[in-house]
C-alpha atoms as a PDB file:
ATOM      1  CA  MET A   1      22.988  17.815  31.333  1.00  0.00           C
ATOM      2  CA  ARG A   2      21.143  14.670  32.305  1.00  0.00           C
ATOM      3  CA  ASP A   3      19.789  12.242  29.712  1.00  0.00           C
ATOM      4  CA  HIS A   4      16.230  12.425  31.003  1.00  0.00           C
ATOM      5  CA  GLU A   5      15.937  16.199  30.638  1.00  0.00           C
ATOM      6  CA  HIS A   6      13.982  17.355  27.609  1.00  0.00           C
ATOM      7  CA  VAL A   7      15.620  20.054  25.517  1.00  0.00           C
ATOM      8  CA  GLU A   8      13.474  22.184  23.249  1.00  0.00           C
ATOM      9  CA  SER A   9      14.810  22.718  19.756  1.00  0.00           C
ATOM     10  CA  VAL A  10      15.039  26.313  18.612  1.00  0.00           C
ATOM     11  CA  THR A  11      16.086  25.485  15.053  1.00  0.00           C
ATOM     12  CA  GLU A  12      14.900  23.344  12.190  1.00  0.00           C
ATOM     13  CA  VAL A  13      18.090  21.283  12.329  1.00  0.00           C
ATOM     14  CA  PRO A  14      17.247  17.553  12.549  1.00  0.00           C
ATOM     15  CA  TRP A  15      18.657  15.310  15.244  1.00  0.00           C
ATOM     16  CA  PRO A  16      22.003  13.671  14.396  1.00  0.00           C
ATOM     17  CA  LEU A  17      21.765  10.385  12.513  1.00  0.00           C
ATOM     18  CA  SER A  18      23.211   8.440  15.454  1.00  0.00           C
ATOM     19  CA  VAL A  19      20.448   9.694  17.767  1.00  0.00           C
ATOM     20  CA  GLN A  20      17.755   8.907  15.206  1.00  0.00           C
ATOM     21  CA  GLN A  21      19.206   5.453  14.609  1.00  0.00           C
ATOM     22  CA  ARG A  22      19.377   4.650  18.334  1.00  0.00           C
ATOM     23  CA  ARG A  23      15.770   5.731  18.766  1.00  0.00           C
ATOM     24  CA  ARG A  24      14.599   3.560  15.845  1.00  0.00           C
ATOM     25  CA  GLN A  25      16.658   0.642  17.138  1.00  0.00           C
ATOM     26  CA  ARG A  26      15.102   0.892  20.609  1.00  0.00           C
ATOM     27  CA  TRP A  27      11.608   0.945  19.105  1.00  0.00           C
ATOM     28  CA  TYR A  28      12.423  -2.033  16.872  1.00  0.00           C
ATOM     29  CA  PHE A  29      13.746  -4.175  19.723  1.00  0.00           C
ATOM     30  CA  GLY A  30      10.846  -3.118  21.947  1.00  0.00           C
ATOM     31  CA  LEU A  31       8.266  -4.103  19.349  1.00  0.00           C
ATOM     32  CA  MET A  32      10.001  -7.403  18.629  1.00  0.00           C
ATOM     33  CA  GLY A  33      10.186  -8.081  22.374  1.00  0.00           C
ATOM     34  CA  VAL A  34       6.424  -7.555  22.616  1.00  0.00           C
ATOM     35  CA  CYS A  35       5.950  -9.901  19.655  1.00  0.00           C
ATOM     36  CA  LEU A  36       8.078 -12.618  21.218  1.00  0.00           C
ATOM     37  CA  THR A  37       6.356 -12.196  24.581  1.00  0.00           C
ATOM     38  CA  LEU A  38       2.913 -12.527  22.983  1.00  0.00           C
ATOM     39  CA  ILE A  39       3.886 -15.740  21.180  1.00  0.00           C
ATOM     40  CA  ILE A  40       5.472 -17.307  24.258  1.00  0.00           C
ATOM     41  CA  LEU A  41       2.542 -16.383  26.507  1.00  0.00           C
ATOM     42  CA  ALA A  42      -0.051 -17.429  23.937  1.00  0.00           C
ATOM     43  CA  TRP A  43       1.247 -20.939  23.359  1.00  0.00           C
ATOM     44  CA  GLY A  44       2.927 -21.577  26.680  1.00  0.00           C
ATOM     45  CA  LEU A  45       0.252 -20.368  29.057  1.00  0.00           C
ATOM     46  CA  VAL A  46      -2.915 -18.842  27.579  1.00  0.00           C
ATOM     47  CA  ARG A  47      -3.754 -21.850  25.372  1.00  0.00           C
ATOM     48  CA  LEU A  48      -4.379 -23.856  28.537  1.00  0.00           C
ATOM     49  CA  TRP A  49      -7.401 -21.649  29.279  1.00  0.00           C
ATOM     50  CA  SER A  50      -8.532 -20.421  25.876  1.00  0.00           C
ATOM     51  CA  VAL A  51      -7.268 -21.456  22.461  1.00  0.00           C
ATOM     52  CA  PRO A  52      -9.175 -18.664  20.637  1.00  0.00           C
ATOM     53  CA  VAL A  53      -7.479 -16.033  22.810  1.00  0.00           C
ATOM     54  CA  ALA A  54      -4.110 -17.657  22.095  1.00  0.00           C
ATOM     55  CA  VAL A  55      -4.855 -17.549  18.366  1.00  0.00           C
ATOM     56  CA  GLY A  56      -5.837 -13.873  18.696  1.00  0.00           C
ATOM     57  CA  MET A  57      -2.598 -13.094  20.510  1.00  0.00           C
ATOM     58  CA  SER A  58      -0.698 -14.862  17.724  1.00  0.00           C
ATOM     59  CA  ALA A  59      -2.543 -12.837  15.097  1.00  0.00           C
ATOM     60  CA  VAL A  60      -1.563  -9.607  16.851  1.00  0.00           C
ATOM     61  CA  ALA A  61       2.021 -10.865  17.125  1.00  0.00           C
ATOM     62  CA  ALA A  62       2.042 -11.629  13.377  1.00  0.00           C
ATOM     63  CA  VAL A  63       1.261  -7.992  12.553  1.00  0.00           C
ATOM     64  CA  ILE A  64       4.048  -6.552  14.711  1.00  0.00           C
ATOM     65  CA  PRO A  65       7.185  -7.561  12.680  1.00  0.00           C
ATOM     66  CA  PRO A  66       6.240  -5.592   9.525  1.00  0.00           C
ATOM     67  CA  ILE A  67       5.478  -2.571  11.691  1.00  0.00           C
ATOM     68  CA  ALA A  68       8.805  -2.987  13.497  1.00  0.00           C
ATOM     69  CA  ALA A  69      10.638  -3.186  10.164  1.00  0.00           C
ATOM     70  CA  PHE A  70       8.908  -0.030   8.977  1.00  0.00           C
ATOM     71  CA  VAL A  71       9.857   1.779  12.201  1.00  0.00           C
ATOM     72  CA  ALA A  72      13.474   0.589  11.951  1.00  0.00           C
ATOM     73  CA  ASN A  73      13.813   1.737   8.340  1.00  0.00           C
ATOM     74  CA  ASN A  74      11.852   4.965   8.661  1.00  0.00           C
ATOM     75  CA  GLY A  75      13.970   7.887   7.547  1.00  0.00           C
ATOM     76  CA  VAL A  76      16.743   5.781   6.015  1.00  0.00           C
ATOM     77  CA  LYS A  77      17.787   7.092   2.634  1.00  0.00           C
ATOM     78  CA  GLY A  78      19.561   5.115  -0.026  1.00  0.00           C
END
């Protein structure tokens, strides 16, 4: 079976922990990549045209890390 094929679940059994952890890890690194990209673009390029837009991009980037941490730790028990 190929990785990109979607399989419908016929039971209430949750996905294995390794699958859940990989999914959370991908989301975390994706969100942090967006955060880093926003900061680099804001202060390396956008500030040359508009400082308020760069500040807005930085504000959005400042909100992303707590969300990424929540996503990464969602479902972790203990």
